[in-house]
Amino acid sequence: MGQFSVKKSGLTGSVLGENQQPDLGEADISASLAQFDDMWKALIPAEQARVVRLLVARVTASDAGLAVDLRHEGLGAIATLMAPAKPEVA
């Protein structure tokens, strides 16, 4: 099976644009995305399939190759789930 890679700077910008949590900043999103490989390895296949459904809107195959359209809202959801917990301020 092949490897899939995405430039993190563009991906981080996409997630920031769709961010539903104002306290989740660029550094938090970058840290979450950096942990993605480790998280992926820890998931069982059913959970990996769920993550793919959250992230991928459409895959188009042509003579030129594959085009993968990502769900930007899914990227934000994954980044939010993976973000380190912030202590609550009383």
PDB file of N, CA and C in Angstrom:
ATOM      1  N   MET A   1       0.844  -1.172   0.000  1.00  0.00           N
ATOM      2  CA  MET A   1       0.000   0.000   0.000  1.00  0.00           C
ATOM      3  C   MET A   1       0.891   1.237   0.000  1.00  0.00           C
ATOM      4  N   GLY A   2       0.498   2.281  -0.723  1.00  0.00           N
ATOM      5  CA  GLY A   2       1.307   3.483  -0.847  1.00  0.00           C
ATOM      6  C   GLY A   2       1.185   4.415   0.335  1.00  0.00           C
ATOM      7  N   GLN A   3       2.091   5.345   0.374  1.00  0.00           N
ATOM      8  CA  GLN A   3       2.085   6.363   1.425  1.00  0.00           C
ATOM      9  C   GLN A   3       1.361   7.606   0.918  1.00  0.00           C
ATOM     10  N   PHE A   4       0.690   8.309   1.783  1.00  0.00           N
ATOM     11  CA  PHE A   4       0.003   9.550   1.448  1.00  0.00           C
ATOM     12  C   PHE A   4       0.561  10.633   2.346  1.00  0.00           C
ATOM     13  N   SER A   5       1.002  11.721   1.760  1.00  0.00           N
ATOM     14  CA  SER A   5       1.525  12.808   2.587  1.00  0.00           C
ATOM     15  C   SER A   5       0.895  14.121   2.169  1.00  0.00           C
ATOM     16  N   VAL A   6       0.789  15.031   3.114  1.00  0.00           N
ATOM     17  CA  VAL A   6       0.213  16.348   2.895  1.00  0.00           C
ATOM     18  C   VAL A   6       1.162  17.367   3.479  1.00  0.00           C
ATOM     19  N   LYS A   7       1.329  18.483   2.790  1.00  0.00           N
ATOM     20  CA  LYS A   7       2.156  19.550   3.354  1.00  0.00           C
ATOM     21  C   LYS A   7       1.447  20.104   4.579  1.00  0.00           C
ATOM     22  N   LYS A   8       2.138  20.055   5.701  1.00  0.00           N
ATOM     23  CA  LYS A   8       1.511  20.451   6.966  1.00  0.00           C
ATOM     24  C   LYS A   8       1.099  21.913   6.991  1.00  0.00           C
ATOM     25  N   SER A   9       1.872  22.807   6.368  1.00  0.00           N
ATOM     26  CA  SER A   9       1.535  24.231   6.437  1.00  0.00           C
ATOM     27  C   SER A   9       0.172  24.498   5.811  1.00  0.00           C
ATOM     28  N   GLY A  10      -0.101  23.901   4.651  1.00  0.00           N
ATOM     29  CA  GLY A  10      -1.394  24.083   4.006  1.00  0.00           C
ATOM     30  C   GLY A  10      -2.507  23.416   4.776  1.00  0.00           C
ATOM     31  N   LEU A  11      -2.240  22.272   5.321  1.00  0.00           N
ATOM     32  CA  LEU A  11      -3.224  21.539   6.095  1.00  0.00           C
ATOM     33  C   LEU A  11      -3.568  22.291   7.374  1.00  0.00           C
ATOM     34  N   THR A  12      -2.561  22.827   8.024  1.00  0.00           N
ATOM     35  CA  THR A  12      -2.804  23.610   9.241  1.00  0.00           C
ATOM     36  C   THR A  12      -3.670  24.816   8.929  1.00  0.00           C
ATOM     37  N   GLY A  13      -3.385  25.477   7.819  1.00  0.00           N
ATOM     38  CA  GLY A  13      -4.194  26.629   7.414  1.00  0.00           C
ATOM     39  C   GLY A  13      -5.633  26.241   7.146  1.00  0.00           C
ATOM     40  N   SER A  14      -5.851  25.089   6.518  1.00  0.00           N
ATOM     41  CA  SER A  14      -7.208  24.613   6.257  1.00  0.00           C
ATOM     42  C   SER A  14      -7.948  24.341   7.554  1.00  0.00           C
ATOM     43  N   VAL A  15      -7.267  23.714   8.488  1.00  0.00           N
ATOM     44  CA  VAL A  15      -7.892  23.410   9.777  1.00  0.00           C
ATOM     45  C   VAL A  15      -8.207  24.700  10.523  1.00  0.00           C
ATOM     46  N   LEU A  16      -7.291  25.653  10.497  1.00  0.00           N
ATOM     47  CA  LEU A  16      -7.536  26.927  11.171  1.00  0.00           C
ATOM     48  C   LEU A  16      -8.751  27.633  10.591  1.00  0.00           C
ATOM     49  N   GLY A  17      -8.916  27.549   9.276  1.00  0.00           N
ATOM     50  CA  GLY A  17     -10.057  28.188   8.630  1.00  0.00           C
ATOM     51  C   GLY A  17     -11.383  27.582   9.045  1.00  0.00           C
ATOM     52  N   GLU A  18     -11.394  26.314   9.406  1.00  0.00           N
ATOM     53  CA  GLU A  18     -12.614  25.608   9.788  1.00  0.00           C
ATOM     54  C   GLU A  18     -12.739  25.424  11.298  1.00  0.00           C
ATOM     55  N   ASN A  19     -11.800  25.961  12.054  1.00  0.00           N
ATOM     56  CA  ASN A  19     -11.733  25.743  13.497  1.00  0.00           C
ATOM     57  C   ASN A  19     -12.996  26.241  14.191  1.00  0.00           C
ATOM     58  N   GLN A  20     -13.654  25.351  14.926  1.00  0.00           N
ATOM     59  CA  GLN A  20     -14.857  25.697  15.675  1.00  0.00           C
ATOM     60  C   GLN A  20     -14.549  26.060  17.125  1.00  0.00           C
ATOM     61  N   GLN A  21     -13.290  25.909  17.532  1.00  0.00           N
ATOM     62  CA  GLN A  21     -12.889  26.231  18.899  1.00  0.00           C
ATOM     63  C   GLN A  21     -11.924  27.403  18.862  1.00  0.00           C
ATOM     64  N   PRO A  22     -12.349  28.578  19.288  1.00  0.00           N
ATOM     65  CA  PRO A  22     -11.471  29.746  19.217  1.00  0.00           C
ATOM     66  C   PRO A  22     -10.195  29.618  20.044  1.00  0.00           C
ATOM     67  N   ASP A  23     -10.204  28.771  21.088  1.00  0.00           N
ATOM     68  CA  ASP A  23      -9.008  28.628  21.921  1.00  0.00           C
ATOM     69  C   ASP A  23      -8.027  27.599  21.351  1.00  0.00           C
ATOM     70  N   LEU A  24      -8.354  26.991  20.222  1.00  0.00           N
ATOM     71  CA  LEU A  24      -7.475  26.022  19.562  1.00  0.00           C
ATOM     72  C   LEU A  24      -6.673  26.772  18.504  1.00  0.00           C
ATOM     73  N   GLY A  25      -5.411  27.064  18.824  1.00  0.00           N
ATOM     74  CA  GLY A  25      -4.579  27.882  17.949  1.00  0.00           C
ATOM     75  C   GLY A  25      -3.738  27.070  16.992  1.00  0.00           C
ATOM     76  N   GLU A  26      -2.966  27.781  16.173  1.00  0.00           N
ATOM     77  CA  GLU A  26      -2.131  27.140  15.159  1.00  0.00           C
ATOM     78  C   GLU A  26      -1.130  26.172  15.778  1.00  0.00           C
ATOM     79  N   ALA A  27      -0.528  26.548  16.912  1.00  0.00           N
ATOM     80  CA  ALA A  27       0.448  25.665  17.563  1.00  0.00           C
ATOM     81  C   ALA A  27      -0.214  24.365  18.021  1.00  0.00           C
ATOM     82  N   ASP A  28      -1.434  24.466  18.576  1.00  0.00           N
ATOM     83  CA  ASP A  28      -2.164  23.272  19.015  1.00  0.00           C
ATOM     84  C   ASP A  28      -2.487  22.365  17.829  1.00  0.00           C
ATOM     85  N   ILE A  29      -2.925  22.972  16.730  1.00  0.00           N
ATOM     86  CA  ILE A  29      -3.284  22.201  15.541  1.00  0.00           C
ATOM     87  C   ILE A  29      -2.051  21.533  14.954  1.00  0.00           C
ATOM     88  N   SER A  30      -0.948  22.266  14.869  1.00  0.00           N
ATOM     89  CA  SER A  30       0.296  21.685  14.346  1.00  0.00           C
ATOM     90  C   SER A  30       0.763  20.518  15.206  1.00  0.00           C
ATOM     91  N   ALA A  31       0.670  20.671  16.523  1.00  0.00           N
ATOM     92  CA  ALA A  31       1.077  19.593  17.433  1.00  0.00           C
ATOM     93  C   ALA A  31       0.177  18.374  17.255  1.00  0.00           C
ATOM     94  N   SER A  32      -1.118  18.601  17.084  1.00  0.00           N
ATOM     95  CA  SER A  32      -2.051  17.492  16.881  1.00  0.00           C
ATOM     96  C   SER A  32      -1.747  16.745  15.595  1.00  0.00           C
ATOM     97  N   LEU A  33      -1.496  17.493  14.523  1.00  0.00           N
ATOM     98  CA  LEU A  33      -1.201  16.854  13.240  1.00  0.00           C
ATOM     99  C   LEU A  33       0.122  16.097  13.288  1.00  0.00           C
ATOM    100  N   ALA A  34       1.072  16.595  14.058  1.00  0.00           N
ATOM    101  CA  ALA A  34       2.364  15.912  14.188  1.00  0.00           C
ATOM    102  C   ALA A  34       2.199  14.567  14.894  1.00  0.00           C
ATOM    103  N   GLN A  35       1.188  14.441  15.738  1.00  0.00           N
ATOM    104  CA  GLN A  35       0.932  13.199  16.476  1.00  0.00           C
ATOM    105  C   GLN A  35       0.080  12.208  15.685  1.00  0.00           C
ATOM    106  N   PHE A  36      -0.368  12.612  14.494  1.00  0.00           N
ATOM    107  CA  PHE A  36      -1.313  11.798  13.739  1.00  0.00           C
ATOM    108  C   PHE A  36      -0.767  10.408  13.418  1.00  0.00           C
ATOM    109  N   ASP A  37       0.494  10.310  13.005  1.00  0.00           N
ATOM    110  CA  ASP A  37       1.069   9.001  12.658  1.00  0.00           C
ATOM    111  C   ASP A  37       1.019   8.037  13.840  1.00  0.00           C
ATOM    112  N   ASP A  38       1.397   8.525  15.017  1.00  0.00           N
ATOM    113  CA  ASP A  38       1.366   7.666  16.207  1.00  0.00           C
ATOM    114  C   ASP A  38      -0.063   7.246  16.543  1.00  0.00           C
ATOM    115  N   MET A  39      -0.995   8.199  16.430  1.00  0.00           N
ATOM    116  CA  MET A  39      -2.394   7.899  16.710  1.00  0.00           C
ATOM    117  C   MET A  39      -2.909   6.856  15.722  1.00  0.00           C
ATOM    118  N   TRP A  40      -2.567   7.013  14.438  1.00  0.00           N
ATOM    119  CA  TRP A  40      -3.036   6.091  13.397  1.00  0.00           C
ATOM    120  C   TRP A  40      -2.589   4.656  13.686  1.00  0.00           C
ATOM    121  N   LYS A  41      -1.335   4.504  14.085  1.00  0.00           N
ATOM    122  CA  LYS A  41      -0.791   3.171  14.368  1.00  0.00           C
ATOM    123  C   LYS A  41      -1.505   2.506  15.545  1.00  0.00           C
ATOM    124  N   ALA A  42      -2.028   3.302  16.463  1.00  0.00           N
ATOM    125  CA  ALA A  42      -2.683   2.767  17.652  1.00  0.00           C
ATOM    126  C   ALA A  42      -4.142   2.373  17.405  1.00  0.00           C
ATOM    127  N   LEU A  43      -4.716   2.813  16.293  1.00  0.00           N
ATOM    128  CA  LEU A  43      -6.126   2.546  16.017  1.00  0.00           C
ATOM    129  C   LEU A  43      -6.336   1.158  15.424  1.00  0.00           C
ATOM    130  N   ILE A  44      -7.465   0.552  15.774  1.00  0.00           N
ATOM    131  CA  ILE A  44      -7.854  -0.703  15.130  1.00  0.00           C
ATOM    132  C   ILE A  44      -8.428  -0.350  13.749  1.00  0.00           C
ATOM    133  N   PRO A  45      -8.491  -1.314  12.825  1.00  0.00           N
ATOM    134  CA  PRO A  45      -8.956  -1.013  11.464  1.00  0.00           C
ATOM    135  C   PRO A  45     -10.321  -0.320  11.390  1.00  0.00           C
ATOM    136  N   ALA A  46     -11.258  -0.686  12.239  1.00  0.00           N
ATOM    137  CA  ALA A  46     -12.578  -0.041  12.215  1.00  0.00           C
ATOM    138  C   ALA A  46     -12.471   1.445  12.558  1.00  0.00           C
ATOM    139  N   GLU A  47     -11.609   1.783  13.519  1.00  0.00           N
ATOM    140  CA  GLU A  47     -11.404   3.185  13.881  1.00  0.00           C
ATOM    141  C   GLU A  47     -10.675   3.928  12.769  1.00  0.00           C
ATOM    142  N   GLN A  48      -9.711   3.267  12.112  1.00  0.00           N
ATOM    143  CA  GLN A  48      -9.027   3.886  10.981  1.00  0.00           C
ATOM    144  C   GLN A  48     -10.026   4.199   9.870  1.00  0.00           C
ATOM    145  N   ALA A  49     -10.948   3.287   9.608  1.00  0.00           N
ATOM    146  CA  ALA A  49     -11.969   3.514   8.581  1.00  0.00           C
ATOM    147  C   ALA A  49     -12.841   4.708   8.945  1.00  0.00           C
ATOM    148  N   ARG A  50     -13.182   4.847  10.214  1.00  0.00           N
ATOM    149  CA  ARG A  50     -13.990   5.991  10.658  1.00  0.00           C
ATOM    150  C   ARG A  50     -13.241   7.299  10.440  1.00  0.00           C
ATOM    151  N   VAL A  51     -11.950   7.320  10.747  1.00  0.00           N
ATOM    152  CA  VAL A  51     -11.136   8.519  10.543  1.00  0.00           C
ATOM    153  C   VAL A  51     -11.077   8.870   9.058  1.00  0.00           C
ATOM    154  N   VAL A  52     -10.905   7.862   8.212  1.00  0.00           N
ATOM    155  CA  VAL A  52     -10.868   8.112   6.764  1.00  0.00           C
ATOM    156  C   VAL A  52     -12.193   8.705   6.300  1.00  0.00           C
ATOM    157  N   ARG A  53     -13.308   8.176   6.797  1.00  0.00           N
ATOM    158  CA  ARG A  53     -14.619   8.731   6.421  1.00  0.00           C
ATOM    159  C   ARG A  53     -14.764  10.171   6.892  1.00  0.00           C
ATOM    160  N   LEU A  54     -14.188  10.503   8.039  1.00  0.00           N
ATOM    161  CA  LEU A  54     -14.225  11.889   8.522  1.00  0.00           C
ATOM    162  C   LEU A  54     -13.386  12.815   7.649  1.00  0.00           C
ATOM    163  N   LEU A  55     -12.270  12.305   7.145  1.00  0.00           N
ATOM    164  CA  LEU A  55     -11.302  13.146   6.445  1.00  0.00           C
ATOM    165  C   LEU A  55     -11.487  13.224   4.934  1.00  0.00           C
ATOM    166  N   VAL A  56     -11.960  12.166   4.301  1.00  0.00           N
ATOM    167  CA  VAL A  56     -11.982  12.110   2.835  1.00  0.00           C
ATOM    168  C   VAL A  56     -13.403  12.303   2.316  1.00  0.00           C
ATOM    169  N   ALA A  57     -13.576  13.325   1.473  1.00  0.00           N
ATOM    170  CA  ALA A  57     -14.871  13.581   0.855  1.00  0.00           C
ATOM    171  C   ALA A  57     -15.035  12.756  -0.413  1.00  0.00           C
ATOM    172  N   ARG A  58     -13.954  12.699  -1.232  1.00  0.00           N
ATOM    173  CA  ARG A  58     -14.048  11.999  -2.510  1.00  0.00           C
ATOM    174  C   ARG A  58     -12.652  11.659  -3.008  1.00  0.00           C
ATOM    175  N   VAL A  59     -12.532  10.523  -3.654  1.00  0.00           N
ATOM    176  CA  VAL A  59     -11.299  10.130  -4.336  1.00  0.00           C
ATOM    177  C   VAL A  59     -11.656   9.929  -5.803  1.00  0.00           C
ATOM    178  N   THR A  60     -10.943  10.646  -6.690  1.00  0.00           N
ATOM    179  CA  THR A  60     -11.185  10.547  -8.122  1.00  0.00           C
ATOM    180  C   THR A  60      -9.957   9.952  -8.788  1.00  0.00           C
ATOM    181  N   ALA A  61     -10.158   8.849  -9.509  1.00  0.00           N
ATOM    182  CA  ALA A  61      -9.064   8.200 -10.236  1.00  0.00           C
ATOM    183  C   ALA A  61      -9.156   8.578 -11.711  1.00  0.00           C
ATOM    184  N   SER A  62      -8.017   8.935 -12.285  1.00  0.00           N
ATOM    185  CA  SER A  62      -7.948   9.259 -13.709  1.00  0.00           C
ATOM    186  C   SER A  62      -6.623   8.753 -14.255  1.00  0.00           C
ATOM    187  N   ASP A  63      -6.411   8.922 -15.556  1.00  0.00           N
ATOM    188  CA  ASP A  63      -5.138   8.526 -16.156  1.00  0.00           C
ATOM    189  C   ASP A  63      -3.973   9.306 -15.556  1.00  0.00           C
ATOM    190  N   ALA A  64      -4.251  10.519 -15.074  1.00  0.00           N
ATOM    191  CA  ALA A  64      -3.208  11.372 -14.495  1.00  0.00           C
ATOM    192  C   ALA A  64      -2.858  10.975 -13.065  1.00  0.00           C
ATOM    193  N   GLY A  65      -3.710  10.187 -12.410  1.00  0.00           N
ATOM    194  CA  GLY A  65      -3.441   9.786 -11.032  1.00  0.00           C
ATOM    195  C   GLY A  65      -4.689   9.882 -10.182  1.00  0.00           C
ATOM    196  N   LEU A  66      -4.489  10.009  -8.883  1.00  0.00           N
ATOM    197  CA  LEU A  66      -5.589  10.118  -7.929  1.00  0.00           C
ATOM    198  C   LEU A  66      -5.708  11.543  -7.422  1.00  0.00           C
ATOM    199  N   ALA A  67      -6.941  11.997  -7.271  1.00  0.00           N
ATOM    200  CA  ALA A  67      -7.211  13.282  -6.627  1.00  0.00           C
ATOM    201  C   ALA A  67      -8.026  12.987  -5.377  1.00  0.00           C
ATOM    202  N   VAL A  68      -7.544  13.448  -4.237  1.00  0.00           N
ATOM    203  CA  VAL A  68      -8.220  13.214  -2.967  1.00  0.00           C
ATOM    204  C   VAL A  68      -8.760  14.544  -2.464  1.00  0.00           C
ATOM    205  N   ASP A  69     -10.090  14.632  -2.342  1.00  0.00           N
ATOM    206  CA  ASP A  69     -10.735  15.826  -1.796  1.00  0.00           C
ATOM    207  C   ASP A  69     -10.990  15.589  -0.316  1.00  0.00           C
ATOM    208  N   LEU A  70     -10.450  16.482   0.516  1.00  0.00           N
ATOM    209  CA  LEU A  70     -10.576  16.333   1.967  1.00  0.00           C
ATOM    210  C   LEU A  70     -11.779  17.096   2.491  1.00  0.00           C
ATOM    211  N   ARG A  71     -12.346  16.602   3.567  1.00  0.00           N
ATOM    212  CA  ARG A  71     -13.419  17.305   4.283  1.00  0.00           C
ATOM    213  C   ARG A  71     -12.744  18.219   5.303  1.00  0.00           C
ATOM    214  N   HIS A  72     -12.831  19.505   5.070  1.00  0.00           N
ATOM    215  CA  HIS A  72     -12.174  20.445   5.976  1.00  0.00           C
ATOM    216  C   HIS A  72     -12.767  20.380   7.379  1.00  0.00           C
ATOM    217  N   GLU A  73     -14.072  20.148   7.479  1.00  0.00           N
ATOM    218  CA  GLU A  73     -14.675  20.041   8.810  1.00  0.00           C
ATOM    219  C   GLU A  73     -14.167  18.800   9.532  1.00  0.00           C
ATOM    220  N   GLY A  74     -13.851  17.757   8.794  1.00  0.00           N
ATOM    221  CA  GLY A  74     -13.277  16.551   9.392  1.00  0.00           C
ATOM    222  C   GLY A  74     -11.883  16.795   9.930  1.00  0.00           C
ATOM    223  N   LEU A  75     -11.103  17.603   9.199  1.00  0.00           N
ATOM    224  CA  LEU A  75      -9.761  17.956   9.666  1.00  0.00           C
ATOM    225  C   LEU A  75      -9.836  18.684  10.999  1.00  0.00           C
ATOM    226  N   GLY A  76     -10.767  19.619  11.101  1.00  0.00           N
ATOM    227  CA  GLY A  76     -10.936  20.352  12.356  1.00  0.00           C
ATOM    228  C   GLY A  76     -11.369  19.445  13.491  1.00  0.00           C
ATOM    229  N   ALA A  77     -12.254  18.496  13.180  1.00  0.00           N
ATOM    230  CA  ALA A  77     -12.727  17.566  14.208  1.00  0.00           C
ATOM    231  C   ALA A  77     -11.590  16.689  14.714  1.00  0.00           C
ATOM    232  N   ILE A  78     -10.761  16.192  13.794  1.00  0.00           N
ATOM    233  CA  ILE A  78      -9.625  15.356  14.193  1.00  0.00           C
ATOM    234  C   ILE A  78      -8.636  16.167  15.022  1.00  0.00           C
ATOM    235  N   ALA A  79      -8.326  17.385  14.572  1.00  0.00           N
ATOM    236  CA  ALA A  79      -7.381  18.226  15.311  1.00  0.00           C
ATOM    237  C   ALA A  79      -7.911  18.545  16.707  1.00  0.00           C
ATOM    238  N   THR A  80      -9.214  18.797  16.806  1.00  0.00           N
ATOM    239  CA  THR A  80      -9.816  19.092  18.107  1.00  0.00           C
ATOM    240  C   THR A  80      -9.727  17.883  19.035  1.00  0.00           C
ATOM    241  N   LEU A  81     -10.011  16.693  18.509  1.00  0.00           N
ATOM    242  CA  LEU A  81      -9.944  15.479  19.323  1.00  0.00           C
ATOM    243  C   LEU A  81      -8.529  15.171  19.792  1.00  0.00           C
ATOM    244  N   MET A  82      -7.550  15.506  18.958  1.00  0.00           N
ATOM    245  CA  MET A  82      -6.164  15.177  19.279  1.00  0.00           C
ATOM    246  C   MET A  82      -5.456  16.271  20.069  1.00  0.00           C
ATOM    247  N   ALA A  83      -6.068  17.442  20.183  1.00  0.00           N
ATOM    248  CA  ALA A  83      -5.424  18.558  20.876  1.00  0.00           C
ATOM    249  C   ALA A  83      -5.243  18.225  22.351  1.00  0.00           C
ATOM    250  N   PRO A  84      -4.116  18.645  22.915  1.00  0.00           N
ATOM    251  CA  PRO A  84      -3.909  18.411  24.343  1.00  0.00           C
ATOM    252  C   PRO A  84      -4.961  19.156  25.164  1.00  0.00           C
ATOM    253  N   ALA A  85      -5.406  18.532  26.227  1.00  0.00           N
ATOM    254  CA  ALA A  85      -6.405  19.161  27.090  1.00  0.00           C
ATOM    255  C   ALA A  85      -5.810  20.385  27.762  1.00  0.00           C
ATOM    256  N   LYS A  86      -6.599  21.462  27.767  1.00  0.00           N
ATOM    257  CA  LYS A  86      -6.158  22.685  28.434  1.00  0.00           C
ATOM    258  C   LYS A  86      -6.824  22.757  29.799  1.00  0.00           C
ATOM    259  N   PRO A  87      -6.067  23.156  30.808  1.00  0.00           N
ATOM    260  CA  PRO A  87      -6.668  23.264  32.139  1.00  0.00           C
ATOM    261  C   PRO A  87      -7.729  24.359  32.157  1.00  0.00           C
ATOM    262  N   GLU A  88      -8.813  24.080  32.873  1.00  0.00           N
ATOM    263  CA  GLU A  88      -9.877  25.071  32.986  1.00  0.00           C
ATOM    264  C   GLU A  88      -9.480  26.131  33.995  1.00  0.00           C
ATOM    265  N   VAL A  89      -9.831  27.368  33.661  1.00  0.00           N
ATOM    266  CA  VAL A  89      -9.541  28.492  34.544  1.00  0.00           C
ATOM    267  C   VAL A  89     -10.794  28.782  35.353  1.00  0.00           C
ATOM    268  N   ALA A  90     -10.652  28.818  36.666  1.00  0.00           N
ATOM    269  CA  ALA A  90     -11.808  29.036  37.538  1.00  0.00           C
ATOM    270  C   ALA A  90     -12.091  30.495  37.710  1.00  0.00           C
TER     271      ALA A  90
END
